[in-house]
Protein backbone atom coordinates (compact mmCIF):
# COMPACT_ATOMS: atom_id res chain seq x y z
CA UNK A 1 -6.96 -23.62 -7.42
CA UNK A 2 -9.48 -22.59 -10.08
CA UNK A 3 -10.38 -18.91 -10.35
CA UNK A 4 -12.78 -19.66 -13.20
CA UNK A 5 -13.13 -22.71 -15.44
CA UNK A 6 -10.14 -21.57 -17.51
CA UNK A 7 -8.10 -19.45 -15.07
CA UNK A 8 -5.95 -21.24 -12.53
CA UNK A 9 -3.96 -19.96 -9.56
CA UNK A 10 -0.31 -21.05 -9.38
CA UNK A 11 1.10 -18.59 -6.81
CA UNK A 12 2.99 -19.28 -3.59
CA UNK A 13 2.95 -18.20 0.05
CA UNK A 14 6.09 -16.77 1.66
CA UNK A 15 6.30 -17.40 5.42
CA UNK A 16 10.02 -16.66 5.62
CA UNK A 17 9.87 -12.94 4.82
CA UNK A 18 10.10 -10.49 7.73
CA UNK A 19 10.15 -7.13 5.91
CA UNK A 20 8.28 -6.52 2.64
CA UNK A 21 10.36 -4.28 0.39
CA UNK A 22 12.89 -4.22 3.23
CA UNK A 23 10.73 -1.91 5.36
CA UNK A 24 7.18 -3.13 6.10
CA UNK A 25 6.71 -5.67 8.90
CA UNK A 26 4.74 -8.67 7.63
CA UNK A 27 4.15 -11.01 10.59
CA UNK A 28 1.72 -13.12 8.58
CA UNK A 29 3.87 -13.50 5.47
CA UNK A 30 3.14 -12.56 1.87
CA UNK A 31 1.48 -14.14 -1.12
CA UNK A 32 3.12 -13.91 -4.55
CA UNK A 33 0.25 -14.49 -6.94
CA UNK A 34 0.50 -15.91 -10.43
CA UNK A 35 -2.14 -17.21 -12.81
CA UNK A 36 -2.59 -19.31 -15.95
CA UNK A 37 -5.30 -18.84 -18.58
CA UNK A 38 -5.95 -22.13 -20.37
CA UNK A 39 -7.24 -21.59 -23.93
CA UNK A 40 -6.22 -22.30 -27.53
CA UNK A 41 -3.18 -20.25 -26.56
CA UNK A 42 -2.00 -20.50 -22.95
CA UNK A 43 -0.97 -17.35 -21.08
CA UNK A 44 0.98 -17.44 -17.82
CA UNK A 45 0.54 -14.23 -15.82
CA UNK A 46 3.68 -13.19 -13.91
CA UNK A 47 6.23 -15.22 -11.98
CA UNK A 48 7.32 -15.12 -8.32
CA UNK A 49 10.29 -14.50 -6.03
CA UNK A 50 13.38 -16.59 -6.84
CA UNK A 51 13.21 -18.25 -3.41
CA UNK A 52 10.10 -20.09 -4.61
CA UNK A 53 11.23 -20.93 -8.14
CA UNK A 54 10.88 -24.71 -7.84
CA UNK A 55 7.48 -24.57 -6.14
CA UNK A 56 6.18 -22.14 -8.77
CA UNK A 57 7.51 -24.13 -11.73
CA UNK A 58 5.97 -27.28 -10.24
CA UNK A 59 2.64 -25.46 -9.82
CA UNK A 60 2.84 -24.30 -13.42
CA UNK A 61 3.70 -27.76 -14.74
CA UNK A 62 0.74 -29.26 -12.91
CA UNK A 63 -1.65 -26.60 -14.21
CA UNK A 64 -0.47 -27.05 -17.81
CA UNK A 65 -1.41 -30.77 -17.81
CA UNK A 66 1.22 -31.64 -20.40
CA UNK A 67 0.73 -28.58 -22.63
CA UNK A 68 3.24 -25.80 -23.30
CA UNK A 69 2.61 -22.14 -22.55
CA UNK A 70 2.47 -19.69 -25.43
CA UNK A 71 2.88 -16.44 -23.49
CA UNK A 72 4.30 -15.09 -20.26
CA UNK A 73 2.53 -11.81 -19.44
CA UNK A 74 4.58 -9.46 -17.25
CA UNK A 75 2.34 -6.94 -15.53
CA UNK A 76 4.95 -5.63 -13.09
CA UNK A 77 8.74 -5.93 -12.91
CA UNK A 78 9.29 -5.71 -9.17
CA UNK A 79 11.61 -8.64 -8.40
CA UNK A 80 9.11 -10.57 -6.28
CA UNK A 81 7.07 -10.99 -9.48
CA UNK A 82 9.80 -11.20 -12.12
CA UNK A 83 12.78 -13.11 -10.72
CA UNK A 84 11.82 -16.38 -12.40
CA UNK A 85 11.33 -14.97 -15.91
CA UNK A 86 14.73 -16.29 -16.98
CA UNK A 87 13.98 -19.77 -15.65
CA UNK A 88 10.61 -19.74 -17.41
CA UNK A 89 12.23 -18.77 -20.73
CA UNK A 90 14.92 -21.44 -20.30
CA UNK A 91 12.27 -24.12 -19.75
CA UNK A 92 9.85 -22.83 -22.43
CA UNK A 93 12.08 -21.15 -25.07
CA UNK A 94 9.31 -20.88 -27.65
CA UNK A 95 7.03 -18.88 -25.37
CA UNK A 96 6.63 -15.16 -26.06
CA UNK A 97 7.20 -12.71 -23.21
CA UNK A 98 4.55 -9.96 -23.17
CA UNK A 99 4.88 -6.61 -21.41
CA UNK A 100 5.23 -2.87 -21.71
CA UNK A 101 8.31 -1.24 -23.22
CA UNK A 102 9.17 -0.11 -19.70
CA UNK A 103 9.02 -3.72 -18.49
CA UNK A 104 11.49 -4.85 -21.13
CA UNK A 105 13.86 -2.01 -20.30
CA UNK A 106 13.75 -2.97 -16.64
CA UNK A 107 14.17 -6.64 -17.54
CA UNK A 108 17.45 -5.87 -19.24
CA UNK A 109 18.65 -3.70 -16.37
CA UNK A 110 17.72 -6.24 -13.70
CA UNK A 111 18.59 -9.50 -15.42
CA UNK A 112 20.85 -8.59 -18.34
CA UNK A 113 18.43 -9.69 -21.06
CA UNK A 114 15.11 -8.69 -22.59
CA UNK A 115 14.57 -12.17 -24.09
CA UNK A 116 14.37 -10.86 -27.67
CA UNK A 117 13.26 -11.88 -30.21
CA UNK A 118 10.51 -13.73 -28.32
CA UNK A 119 8.86 -10.63 -26.97
CA UNK A 120 5.69 -8.68 -27.62
CA UNK A 121 5.42 -5.06 -26.51
CA UNK A 122 1.92 -4.03 -25.47
CA UNK A 123 0.51 -0.53 -25.11
CA UNK A 124 -2.59 0.88 -23.46
CA UNK A 125 -5.65 -0.57 -25.21
CA UNK A 126 -3.81 -3.38 -27.01
CA UNK A 127 -5.43 -6.82 -26.94
CA UNK A 128 -3.83 -10.27 -26.77
CA UNK A 129 -6.06 -12.94 -28.34
CA UNK A 130 -5.89 -16.39 -26.76
CA UNK A 131 -8.93 -18.02 -28.40
CA UNK A 132 -12.08 -17.77 -26.34
CA UNK A 133 -10.29 -15.36 -24.04
CA UNK A 134 -8.71 -12.03 -24.87
CA UNK A 135 -6.63 -9.79 -22.65
CA UNK A 136 -7.06 -6.04 -22.96
CA UNK A 137 -4.08 -4.14 -21.58
CA UNK A 138 -4.46 -1.03 -19.44
CA UNK A 139 -1.47 1.22 -18.80
CA UNK A 140 -1.16 1.92 -15.07
CA UNK A 141 2.07 3.91 -14.70
CA UNK A 142 3.26 4.49 -11.14
CA UNK A 143 0.71 2.13 -9.64
CA UNK A 144 3.18 1.70 -8.23
CA UNK A 145 6.14 1.39 -10.67
CA UNK A 146 6.25 3.24 -14.02
CA UNK A 147 6.16 0.14 -16.25
CA UNK A 148 2.99 -1.35 -14.73
CA UNK A 149 0.10 -2.57 -16.84
CA UNK A 150 -3.19 -4.16 -15.84
CA UNK A 151 -5.01 -6.58 -18.08
CA UNK A 152 -8.69 -7.44 -18.38
CA UNK A 153 -10.07 -10.78 -19.51
CA UNK A 154 -13.22 -9.86 -21.41
CA UNK A 155 -14.62 -13.40 -21.33
CA UNK A 156 -14.48 -14.15 -17.61
CA UNK A 157 -14.58 -10.44 -16.65
CA UNK A 158 -11.44 -10.66 -14.55
CA UNK A 159 -9.15 -7.70 -13.88
CA UNK A 160 -5.50 -8.60 -13.34
CA UNK A 161 -4.44 -5.54 -11.36
CA UNK A 162 -0.70 -6.01 -10.75
CA UNK A 163 0.06 -4.76 -7.20
CA UNK A 164 -3.11 -2.67 -6.95
CA UNK A 165 -5.80 -4.09 -4.64
CA UNK A 166 -3.18 -6.21 -2.93
CA UNK A 167 -2.60 -6.64 0.79
CA UNK A 168 -0.06 -7.98 3.25
CA UNK A 169 -0.40 -11.56 4.45
CA UNK A 170 -0.07 -15.06 3.02
CA UNK A 171 -3.21 -16.56 1.51
CA UNK A 172 -3.34 -19.31 4.13
CA UNK A 173 -3.57 -16.72 6.91
CA UNK A 174 -7.12 -16.03 8.08
CA UNK A 175 -7.20 -12.29 8.70
CA UNK A 176 -9.84 -11.66 11.37
CA UNK A 177 -9.63 -7.89 10.78
CA UNK A 178 -10.75 -8.30 7.18
CA UNK A 179 -9.23 -7.09 3.95
CA UNK A 180 -9.14 -3.34 4.54
CA UNK A 181 -6.73 -3.12 7.48
CA UNK A 182 -3.67 -4.69 5.86
CA UNK A 183 -4.71 -3.50 2.40
CA UNK A 184 -4.76 0.09 3.71
CA UNK A 185 -1.29 -0.19 5.25
CA UNK A 186 -0.09 -1.79 2.01
CA UNK A 187 -1.72 0.89 -0.18
CA UNK A 188 -0.34 3.92 1.65
CA UNK A 189 3.07 2.29 1.86
CA UNK A 190 3.45 1.59 -1.86
CA UNK A 191 0.93 3.84 -3.63
CA UNK A 192 0.37 6.73 -1.22
CA UNK A 193 2.45 9.15 -3.24
CA UNK A 194 0.69 8.32 -6.49
CA UNK A 195 -2.96 9.14 -5.82
CA UNK A 196 -3.51 10.87 -9.15
CA UNK A 197 -2.09 7.87 -11.03
CA UNK A 198 -4.47 5.60 -9.13
CA UNK A 199 -7.36 7.93 -9.97
CA UNK A 200 -6.41 7.78 -13.65
CA UNK A 201 -6.47 4.00 -13.80
CA UNK A 202 -9.68 3.79 -11.75
CA UNK A 203 -11.37 5.92 -14.41
CA UNK A 204 -10.24 3.46 -17.08
CA UNK A 205 -11.47 0.50 -15.05
CA UNK A 206 -14.87 2.14 -14.49
CA UNK A 207 -15.71 1.36 -18.13
CA UNK A 208 -15.14 -2.38 -17.58
CA UNK A 209 -17.60 -5.01 -16.37
CA UNK A 210 -15.47 -6.52 -13.60
CA UNK A 211 -16.56 -9.61 -11.67
CA UNK A 212 -13.21 -10.57 -10.11
CA UNK A 213 -9.99 -8.75 -9.24
CA UNK A 214 -6.79 -10.80 -9.24
CA UNK A 215 -3.91 -8.86 -7.69
CA UNK A 216 -0.29 -9.95 -7.36
CA UNK A 217 -0.59 -10.02 -3.55
CA UNK A 218 -3.50 -10.99 -1.36
CA UNK A 219 -6.81 -12.76 -1.99
CA UNK A 220 -8.84 -12.92 -5.17
CA UNK A 221 -11.67 -10.39 -4.78
CA UNK A 222 -14.97 -11.63 -6.14
CA UNK A 223 -17.79 -10.19 -4.02
CA UNK A 224 -18.85 -6.65 -3.19
CA UNK A 225 -16.27 -5.18 -5.56
CA UNK A 226 -17.78 -1.73 -5.09
CA UNK A 227 -16.40 -1.78 -1.55
CA UNK A 228 -12.81 -2.32 -2.68
CA UNK A 229 -13.06 0.09 -5.59
CA UNK A 230 -14.66 2.66 -3.31
CA UNK A 231 -11.86 2.45 -0.77
CA UNK A 232 -9.25 2.87 -3.49
CA UNK A 233 -11.15 5.91 -4.72
CA UNK A 234 -11.20 7.41 -1.21
CA UNK A 235 -7.56 6.60 -0.50
CA UNK A 236 -6.30 7.95 -3.82
CA UNK A 237 -8.22 11.21 -3.30
CA UNK A 238 -6.53 11.57 0.11
CA UNK A 239 -9.91 11.86 1.77
CA UNK A 240 -10.38 10.76 5.40
CA UNK A 241 -12.05 7.40 5.69
CA UNK A 242 -13.37 7.88 9.21
CA UNK A 243 -13.67 10.52 11.91
CA UNK A 244 -11.14 10.28 14.70
CA UNK A 245 -7.79 11.47 16.00
CA UNK A 246 -4.40 9.95 15.29
CA UNK A 247 -2.35 10.77 18.39
CA UNK A 248 1.33 10.31 17.49
CA UNK A 249 4.02 11.09 20.04
CA UNK A 250 7.60 10.70 21.20
CA UNK A 251 8.70 10.98 24.80
CA UNK A 252 12.17 10.81 26.39
CA UNK A 253 11.48 10.51 30.14
CA UNK A 254 7.73 10.06 30.18
CA UNK A 255 6.49 13.62 30.72
CA UNK A 256 5.31 14.10 27.13
CA UNK A 257 3.78 10.62 27.23
CA UNK A 258 1.83 11.58 30.40
CA UNK A 259 0.45 14.65 28.66
CA UNK A 260 -0.53 12.60 25.61
CA UNK A 261 -2.27 9.96 27.72
CA UNK A 262 -4.20 12.72 29.51
CA UNK A 263 -5.36 14.01 26.12
CA UNK A 264 -6.32 10.50 25.01
CA UNK A 265 -8.42 10.02 28.14
CA UNK A 266 -10.08 13.43 27.70
CA UNK A 267 -10.93 12.67 24.07
CA UNK A 268 -12.34 9.25 24.83
CA UNK A 269 -14.47 10.75 27.61
CA UNK A 270 -15.88 13.05 24.93
CA UNK A 271 -16.64 10.09 22.65
CA UNK A 272 -13.83 10.76 20.16
CA UNK A 273 -12.10 7.76 18.57
CA UNK A 274 -8.32 7.82 19.16
CA UNK A 275 -5.51 5.85 17.52
CA UNK A 276 -2.40 6.15 19.74
CA UNK A 277 1.18 5.62 18.54
CA UNK A 278 4.49 5.77 20.36
CA UNK A 279 6.64 6.53 17.33
CA UNK A 280 9.79 5.14 18.94
CA UNK A 281 8.21 1.73 19.54
CA UNK A 282 5.18 1.18 17.34
CA UNK A 283 5.22 0.21 13.68
CA UNK A 284 5.70 3.42 11.69
CA UNK A 285 3.66 2.04 8.79
CA UNK A 286 0.71 1.47 11.14
CA UNK A 287 0.95 5.08 12.30
CA UNK A 288 1.03 6.31 8.70
CA UNK A 289 -1.97 4.12 7.90
CA UNK A 290 -4.13 5.59 10.66
CA UNK A 291 -2.95 9.13 9.89
CA UNK A 292 -4.50 8.68 6.44
CA UNK A 293 -7.53 6.80 7.73
CA UNK A 294 -8.65 9.45 10.25
CA UNK A 295 -9.53 13.11 9.73
CA UNK A 296 -7.49 14.69 12.56
CA UNK A 297 -3.97 14.30 13.89
CA UNK A 298 -2.16 15.52 17.00
CA UNK A 299 1.63 15.57 16.81
CA UNK A 300 3.32 15.58 20.23
CA UNK A 301 7.06 15.58 20.79
CA UNK A 302 9.94 16.83 22.87
CA UNK A 303 12.33 19.52 21.79
CA UNK A 304 15.58 17.78 20.92
CA UNK A 305 18.79 19.62 20.00
CA UNK A 306 16.65 22.68 19.33
CA UNK A 307 14.56 20.70 16.85
CA UNK A 308 12.29 17.63 16.83
CA UNK A 309 12.91 14.24 18.39
CA UNK A 310 14.21 11.98 15.56
CA UNK A 311 11.31 9.49 15.48
CA UNK A 312 8.82 12.33 15.05
CA UNK A 313 10.90 13.82 12.26
CA UNK A 314 10.98 10.43 10.54
CA UNK A 315 7.20 10.10 10.87
CA UNK A 316 6.59 13.58 9.43
CA UNK A 317 8.89 12.83 6.51
CA UNK A 318 6.93 9.59 5.88
CA UNK A 319 3.70 11.58 5.75
CA UNK A 320 5.32 14.19 3.52
CA UNK A 321 6.66 11.72 0.98
CA UNK A 322 3.27 9.96 0.80
CA UNK A 323 1.40 13.21 0.03
CA UNK A 324 -0.40 13.62 3.35
CA UNK A 325 -3.13 16.24 2.94
CA UNK A 326 -6.72 17.29 3.68
CA UNK A 327 -6.50 16.83 7.45
CA UNK A 328 -6.80 18.93 10.64
CA UNK A 329 -3.62 19.22 12.69
CA UNK A 330 -2.71 20.18 16.25
CA UNK A 331 0.65 20.20 18.03
CA UNK A 332 2.01 19.50 21.50
CA UNK A 333 5.59 20.37 22.46
CA UNK A 334 7.68 19.85 25.58
CA UNK A 335 11.03 21.53 26.18
CA UNK A 336 12.67 21.92 29.57
CA UNK A 337 14.25 25.30 28.88
CA UNK A 338 13.20 26.38 25.39
CA UNK A 339 10.32 24.53 23.69
CA UNK A 340 10.74 24.81 19.92
CA UNK A 341 9.39 21.54 18.55
CA UNK A 342 6.18 23.05 17.16
CA UNK A 343 8.22 25.36 14.96
CA UNK A 344 10.17 22.41 13.60
CA UNK A 345 7.07 20.26 13.04
CA UNK A 346 5.18 23.06 11.36
CA UNK A 347 8.08 23.72 8.99
CA UNK A 348 7.49 20.21 7.64
CA UNK A 349 3.70 20.18 7.68
CA UNK A 350 3.63 23.54 5.89
CA UNK A 351 4.91 21.67 2.81
CA UNK A 352 1.77 19.50 2.79
CA UNK A 353 -1.48 20.36 1.04
CA UNK A 354 -4.76 21.52 2.55
CA UNK A 355 -3.94 21.12 6.23
CA UNK A 356 -6.05 23.07 8.70
CA UNK A 357 -4.26 24.00 11.92
CA UNK A 358 -6.16 24.02 15.20
CA UNK A 359 -5.87 26.98 17.58
CA UNK A 360 -5.23 25.24 20.91
CA UNK A 361 -1.71 23.87 20.65
CA UNK A 362 -0.05 22.75 23.89
CA UNK A 363 3.35 24.04 25.05
CA UNK A 364 4.99 23.12 28.37
CA UNK A 365 8.31 22.75 30.15
CA UNK A 366 8.76 19.46 31.93
CA UNK A 367 5.94 17.79 33.86
CA UNK A 368 2.27 17.59 32.92
CA UNK A 369 0.97 19.76 35.74
CA UNK A 370 -2.46 21.31 36.27
CA UNK A 371 -1.69 24.30 34.04
CA UNK A 372 -0.68 21.97 31.22
CA UNK A 373 -3.83 19.92 31.73
CA UNK A 374 -5.92 23.05 31.28
CA UNK A 375 -4.29 23.57 27.86
CA UNK A 376 -4.92 19.95 26.98
CA UNK A 377 -8.61 20.13 27.90
CA UNK A 378 -9.04 23.15 25.61
CA UNK A 379 -7.45 21.15 22.80
CA UNK A 380 -9.72 18.20 23.57
CA UNK A 381 -12.78 20.44 23.34
CA UNK A 382 -11.63 21.84 20.00
CA UNK A 383 -10.99 18.34 18.62
CA UNK A 384 -14.39 17.16 19.86
CA UNK A 385 -16.12 20.09 18.14
CA UNK A 386 -14.85 18.70 14.81
CA UNK A 387 -16.45 15.30 15.35
């Protein structure tokens, strides 16, 4: 596949993977992207997962059309992009491996070699000349590993963005929901903690004339780039993307669930958008995604061993470690003899930045009776007033 006249795609689709990074469900697979720039000097941009070594090397051989590569550029050392570096060097021993000093340190730790002396260490602002094309390197630490660099092809105006602007899903999967849904879940999973780092690199990229973005996962972005850049700006500032309520709950015997469903119905009757998650059964990453997407959240759980039900605690810790902030929060707790879940939940949310707590929390013991419903309707009215 041709990206431009001189840039060719040689990546692979992975339909075998079930969990990306061992934690994110990927029912539609993953793409491991790799590229070749054909010029006086040939640069190969990143490798792929070892499972696809033969397919990738065959793709590379076909793209080279009998020529030999001069460089292998390593933007990111995560194994799904670097596991075939050794095989590349064995096949093309005269090629120079290009990357940050951090990449070479990781290379040695992961694979026992840094491939010296055929290496070239690049720093922020350095340029690799290929002939007609030149690659300007952009340090992008912690987007999402510390060694990461982007590169920018000044001739074809292409940004090679490592894992940034990627998404879940193989390239041969037609995503009817569009780019943003799986890109959002991907972003908050891998970059959510590092918003300031993303902001820093976005500022650098703002000075570039970008016509295409080539990430290491997901499709090549070539139209309406302001949309993608704008979403990354919003996400990395931890700003809500839309108005609405994430309603996340756990329930042991169904009483808390009944109360939550009553709240959902009351909110929808008031015209409020609701994203509902049973934290024991639904994909936790989807719940985290919508918690960041929407401007309000209601946390509802049972008291369990004098604390919080485990799935709720896990969810709150996921939000905490991804820098959840700038949202409005309400609580619901159920406890047959001594409700105390709100205290436990608030102890965790108090560690997060710029959260505004609502006044009408809901506390009950057992069933969702008429008195409980009165509390819930007050909460629904307060949530609606924020729409």
